Amino acid sequence: MKQNLAPTQAFAYLDEILAQQSINLLSLNPKKSLITSFAELENLIAAQTTDKQLISHLQSTLKVILDAQLQNFPENIFWDFDFMVSSLLRQALVATDGADFLESFANKMVSLIELFGIKKEMRFRYVHDFMYGFDWARWVQKEPQNRAHIEPFSLLFLDYLLIKGQKLVHRISLDQVSFYKLCDTGFRNPFSFSREPEDEYRLLIYLAEKQLIPVAAWNWNAQPVWNKPFEEMRQQLSVKLNIQPQRH
């Protein structure tokens, strides 16, 4: 990529990267089917800051995250980025050094994506549980008095996931995990119900329509919610929708 692209061109370049992959860029937004383009997100960014250097660093951060997701989660279904971009901008603007914050975030995110993706032992199929806040809500519920104020896309939460992932990889190597067995499709699924693409799509669409997604990642101004029994409701809805048990 040329380094002298104007900001808007640079964000449009992210859209070009996705277009080249021939991905159906689905959104979980109940009001529309496709995601907000990065070019559109750039307009929202520009409304909050005129710092061209910070905007450039944000674009670079998103590019490395996008590249990592495409390589490690090629079968991901939903691709909303609105709230992540909003959260990154908000955190960068209040950081002592916004560029340092974004670089640290990019490094941790790439490590996390590679750790849980299809190229290593974890072999998760989607990034949905992270991007839509299910992992974060589960984490907050364990210590709400200490964690409820912490951003779903904070460095602190990324650090927790990295440590958790490394521990899981170690336990998998020792064959000590009962809920992370490889499915017959070659992916790991810690849930008891099938997460084949058609099942994952139906369940998440239903959850979004019922406002049972912890982080409405399609909403720039989303208010993350942790204090609902998301795990139990997800399990119950899988039964209601007649989603079959996961086969191993």
Protein backbone atom coordinates (compact mmCIF):
# COMPACT_ATOMS: atom_id res chain seq x y z
CA MET A 1 0.00 0.00 0.00
CA LYS A 2 1.24 3.46 -0.80
CA GLN A 3 1.99 5.46 2.32
CA ASN A 4 0.89 8.79 0.87
CA LEU A 5 -2.75 7.93 0.40
CA ALA A 6 -5.19 10.52 1.69
CA PRO A 7 -7.16 9.34 4.78
CA THR A 8 -10.38 8.67 2.88
CA GLN A 9 -8.51 6.73 0.19
CA ALA A 10 -6.74 4.74 2.89
CA PHE A 11 -9.99 3.69 4.54
CA ALA A 12 -11.51 2.87 1.16
CA TYR A 13 -8.48 0.63 0.66
CA LEU A 14 -9.72 -1.49 3.59
CA ASP A 15 -13.00 -1.94 1.73
CA GLU A 16 -11.01 -2.97 -1.35
CA ILE A 17 -9.18 -5.63 0.67
CA LEU A 18 -12.51 -7.13 1.72
CA ALA A 19 -13.93 -6.87 -1.79
CA GLN A 20 -10.95 -8.79 -3.19
CA GLN A 21 -11.79 -11.70 -0.85
CA SER A 22 -15.30 -12.05 -2.31
CA ILE A 23 -16.74 -12.14 1.21
CA ASN A 24 -20.43 -11.64 1.83
CA LEU A 25 -20.01 -8.80 4.33
CA LEU A 26 -22.96 -9.57 6.55
CA SER A 27 -23.97 -7.42 9.50
CA LEU A 28 -25.88 -8.48 12.60
CA ASN A 29 -27.69 -5.15 12.49
CA PRO A 30 -31.41 -6.09 12.50
CA LYS A 31 -32.08 -3.04 10.30
CA LYS A 32 -29.71 -3.88 7.45
CA SER A 33 -27.94 -6.89 6.01
CA LEU A 34 -24.48 -5.55 5.11
CA ILE A 35 -21.80 -3.89 7.25
CA THR A 36 -20.92 -0.21 7.40
CA SER A 37 -18.05 0.37 4.97
CA PHE A 38 -14.70 1.57 6.27
CA ALA A 39 -15.05 4.63 4.07
CA GLU A 40 -18.24 5.46 5.97
CA LEU A 41 -16.51 4.81 9.29
CA GLU A 42 -13.78 7.25 8.25
CA ASN A 43 -16.40 9.98 8.05
CA LEU A 44 -17.46 9.24 11.63
CA ILE A 45 -13.82 9.35 12.73
CA ALA A 46 -13.25 12.67 10.99
CA ALA A 47 -16.23 14.12 12.86
CA GLN A 48 -14.43 13.49 16.14
CA THR A 49 -10.81 14.35 15.37
CA THR A 50 -8.81 16.28 12.81
CA ASP A 51 -5.53 14.69 13.90
CA LYS A 52 -4.40 13.24 10.55
CA GLN A 53 -1.53 11.33 12.10
CA LEU A 54 -3.83 9.62 14.60
CA ILE A 55 -6.32 8.81 11.84
CA SER A 56 -3.49 7.31 9.80
CA HIS A 57 -2.36 5.18 12.77
CA LEU A 58 -5.95 4.00 13.27
CA GLN A 59 -6.21 2.98 9.62
CA SER A 60 -2.93 1.06 9.86
CA THR A 61 -4.16 -0.69 13.00
CA LEU A 62 -7.37 -1.75 11.30
CA LYS A 63 -5.47 -3.01 8.27
CA VAL A 64 -3.27 -5.40 10.26
CA ILE A 65 -6.32 -6.63 12.23
CA LEU A 66 -8.29 -7.14 9.04
CA ASP A 67 -5.42 -9.00 7.37
CA ALA A 68 -5.07 -11.27 10.41
CA GLN A 69 -8.79 -12.03 10.54
CA LEU A 70 -8.96 -12.88 6.86
CA GLN A 71 -6.01 -15.27 7.16
CA ASN A 72 -7.01 -16.95 10.42
CA PHE A 73 -10.82 -16.83 10.26
CA PRO A 74 -11.68 -17.13 6.55
CA GLU A 75 -15.09 -18.65 7.36
CA ASN A 76 -16.19 -15.82 9.63
CA ILE A 77 -19.78 -14.81 8.82
CA PHE A 78 -20.48 -11.40 10.41
CA TRP A 79 -18.04 -8.52 9.93
CA ASP A 80 -19.29 -5.50 11.88
CA PHE A 81 -16.48 -3.14 12.94
CA ASP A 82 -18.35 0.04 13.93
CA PHE A 83 -18.05 -0.22 17.70
CA MET A 84 -14.48 -1.52 17.64
CA VAL A 85 -13.42 1.49 15.57
CA SER A 86 -15.37 3.84 17.83
CA SER A 87 -13.81 2.28 20.94
CA LEU A 88 -10.28 2.42 19.53
CA LEU A 89 -10.68 6.08 18.60
CA ARG A 90 -12.10 6.95 22.01
CA GLN A 91 -9.28 5.18 23.84
CA ALA A 92 -6.58 6.61 21.55
CA LEU A 93 -7.84 10.16 22.07
CA VAL A 94 -7.50 9.92 25.87
CA ALA A 95 -4.26 7.91 25.89
CA THR A 96 -0.98 9.61 26.79
CA ASP A 97 0.24 8.58 23.35
CA GLY A 98 -2.52 7.54 20.97
CA ALA A 99 -0.12 6.05 18.44
CA ASP A 100 1.51 3.86 21.12
CA PHE A 101 -1.90 2.68 22.30
CA LEU A 102 -2.95 1.73 18.76
CA GLU A 103 0.32 -0.08 18.09
CA SER A 104 -0.04 -2.06 21.31
CA PHE A 105 -3.65 -2.89 20.47
CA ALA A 106 -2.71 -4.03 16.96
CA ASN A 107 0.06 -6.30 18.27
CA LYS A 108 -2.16 -7.88 20.92
CA MET A 109 -5.06 -8.34 18.50
CA VAL A 110 -2.91 -10.04 15.89
CA SER A 111 -1.47 -12.35 18.56
CA LEU A 112 -4.98 -13.14 19.77
CA ILE A 113 -6.36 -13.79 16.29
CA GLU A 114 -3.44 -16.04 15.42
CA LEU A 115 -3.72 -17.88 18.75
CA PHE A 116 -7.41 -18.74 18.31
CA GLY A 117 -7.50 -19.04 14.51
CA ILE A 118 -7.43 -22.02 12.18
CA LYS A 119 -3.66 -22.11 11.68
CA LYS A 120 -2.85 -23.13 15.25
CA GLU A 121 -4.15 -25.59 17.84
CA MET A 122 -7.29 -23.70 18.89
CA ARG A 123 -8.89 -23.71 15.43
CA PHE A 124 -11.93 -21.59 16.21
CA ARG A 125 -14.10 -20.93 13.18
CA TYR A 126 -15.42 -17.43 13.95
CA VAL A 127 -14.50 -14.22 15.79
CA HIS A 128 -18.14 -13.63 16.69
CA ASP A 129 -17.81 -14.36 20.42
CA PHE A 130 -15.09 -11.74 20.71
CA MET A 131 -16.40 -9.03 18.38
CA TYR A 132 -19.96 -9.24 19.71
CA GLY A 133 -18.92 -9.30 23.36
CA PHE A 134 -19.91 -12.78 24.53
CA ASP A 135 -16.39 -13.44 25.81
CA TRP A 136 -16.32 -10.02 27.52
CA ALA A 137 -19.74 -10.44 29.19
CA ARG A 138 -18.73 -13.85 30.53
CA TRP A 139 -15.52 -12.33 31.93
CA VAL A 140 -17.29 -9.36 33.56
CA GLN A 141 -19.89 -11.61 35.19
CA LYS A 142 -17.15 -13.35 37.18
CA GLU A 143 -16.10 -10.11 38.92
CA PRO A 144 -18.61 -7.37 38.01
CA GLN A 145 -17.53 -5.03 40.79
CA ASN A 146 -14.01 -4.89 39.30
CA ARG A 147 -14.69 -5.39 35.59
CA ALA A 148 -18.02 -3.80 34.62
CA HIS A 149 -16.31 -0.50 33.74
CA ILE A 150 -13.68 -2.10 31.51
CA GLU A 151 -14.08 -1.73 27.72
CA PRO A 152 -14.72 -4.87 25.63
CA PHE A 153 -11.81 -3.72 23.42
CA SER A 154 -9.47 -2.64 26.19
CA LEU A 155 -5.86 -3.74 26.40
CA LEU A 156 -6.62 -5.28 29.80
CA PHE A 157 -9.27 -7.60 28.36
CA LEU A 158 -7.02 -8.53 25.43
CA ASP A 159 -4.31 -9.49 27.93
CA TYR A 160 -6.78 -11.73 29.77
CA LEU A 161 -7.79 -13.49 26.53
CA LEU A 162 -4.16 -14.01 25.54
CA ILE A 163 -3.40 -15.67 28.88
CA LYS A 164 -6.59 -17.74 28.71
CA GLY A 165 -5.78 -18.85 25.17
CA GLN A 166 -2.25 -19.89 26.06
CA LYS A 167 -3.54 -21.92 29.00
CA LEU A 168 -6.11 -23.62 26.76
CA VAL A 169 -3.46 -24.50 24.20
CA HIS A 170 -1.39 -26.08 26.96
CA ARG A 171 -4.36 -28.07 28.26
CA ILE A 172 -5.23 -29.19 24.73
CA SER A 173 -1.66 -30.43 24.27
CA LEU A 174 -2.14 -32.55 27.40
CA ASP A 175 -5.62 -33.70 26.29
CA GLN A 176 -7.15 -32.17 29.43
CA VAL A 177 -10.13 -30.39 27.91
CA SER A 178 -13.56 -31.93 27.52
CA PHE A 179 -15.34 -28.98 25.92
CA TYR A 180 -12.77 -28.11 23.28
CA LYS A 181 -12.60 -31.34 21.33
CA LEU A 182 -12.19 -31.08 17.59
CA CYS A 183 -15.49 -31.40 15.75
CA ASP A 184 -15.85 -33.67 12.76
CA THR A 185 -15.47 -30.56 10.59
CA GLY A 186 -11.98 -29.90 11.99
CA PHE A 187 -12.90 -26.88 14.15
CA ARG A 188 -13.20 -26.59 17.91
CA ASN A 189 -16.57 -25.71 19.39
CA PRO A 190 -16.86 -25.29 23.18
CA PHE A 191 -20.66 -25.30 22.92
CA SER A 192 -22.90 -28.34 22.99
CA PHE A 193 -24.88 -27.22 19.93
CA SER A 194 -23.78 -27.13 16.30
CA ARG A 195 -22.08 -24.00 14.99
CA GLU A 196 -22.06 -24.97 11.37
CA PRO A 197 -22.47 -21.80 9.26
CA GLU A 198 -26.22 -22.15 8.71
CA ASP A 199 -26.76 -22.77 12.44
CA GLU A 200 -24.45 -19.96 13.57
CA TYR A 201 -26.19 -17.58 11.18
CA ARG A 202 -29.70 -18.47 12.34
CA LEU A 203 -28.86 -18.29 16.04
CA LEU A 204 -26.99 -15.00 15.96
CA ILE A 205 -29.58 -13.32 13.73
CA TYR A 206 -32.28 -14.38 16.18
CA LEU A 207 -30.27 -13.12 19.17
CA ALA A 208 -29.67 -9.78 17.48
CA GLU A 209 -33.37 -9.35 16.70
CA LYS A 210 -34.17 -10.00 20.37
CA GLN A 211 -31.43 -7.58 21.53
CA LEU A 212 -29.51 -10.41 23.19
CA ILE A 213 -26.06 -9.51 21.84
CA PRO A 214 -23.70 -8.12 24.56
CA VAL A 215 -21.92 -5.72 22.20
CA ALA A 216 -23.90 -4.33 19.27
CA ALA A 217 -20.77 -4.13 17.15
CA TRP A 218 -22.72 -2.60 14.24
CA ASN A 219 -23.53 0.48 16.36
CA TRP A 220 -20.93 3.26 16.63
CA ASN A 221 -22.56 4.39 19.91
CA ALA A 222 -23.28 0.95 21.35
CA GLN A 223 -23.65 0.54 25.10
CA PRO A 224 -22.17 -2.89 25.96
CA VAL A 225 -24.34 -5.03 28.22
CA TRP A 226 -22.92 -7.71 30.49
CA ASN A 227 -25.66 -8.38 33.07
CA LYS A 228 -27.89 -10.76 31.15
CA PRO A 229 -27.62 -14.58 31.16
CA PHE A 230 -26.31 -14.66 27.59
CA GLU A 231 -24.90 -18.19 27.81
CA GLU A 232 -28.11 -19.69 29.13
CA MET A 233 -30.28 -17.81 26.64
CA ARG A 234 -28.06 -18.88 23.77
CA GLN A 235 -28.34 -22.50 24.82
CA GLN A 236 -32.12 -22.27 25.22
CA LEU A 237 -32.56 -20.61 21.83
CA SER A 238 -30.47 -23.28 20.12
CA VAL A 239 -33.05 -25.79 21.35
CA LYS A 240 -35.96 -23.56 20.31
CA LEU A 241 -34.50 -23.22 16.82
CA ASN A 242 -33.93 -26.98 16.64
CA ILE A 243 -30.17 -26.64 16.18
CA GLN A 244 -28.67 -30.08 16.45
CA PRO A 245 -26.04 -31.15 19.02
CA GLN A 246 -22.44 -30.72 17.94
CA ARG A 247 -20.91 -33.85 16.45
CA HIS A 248 -17.36 -34.79 17.40
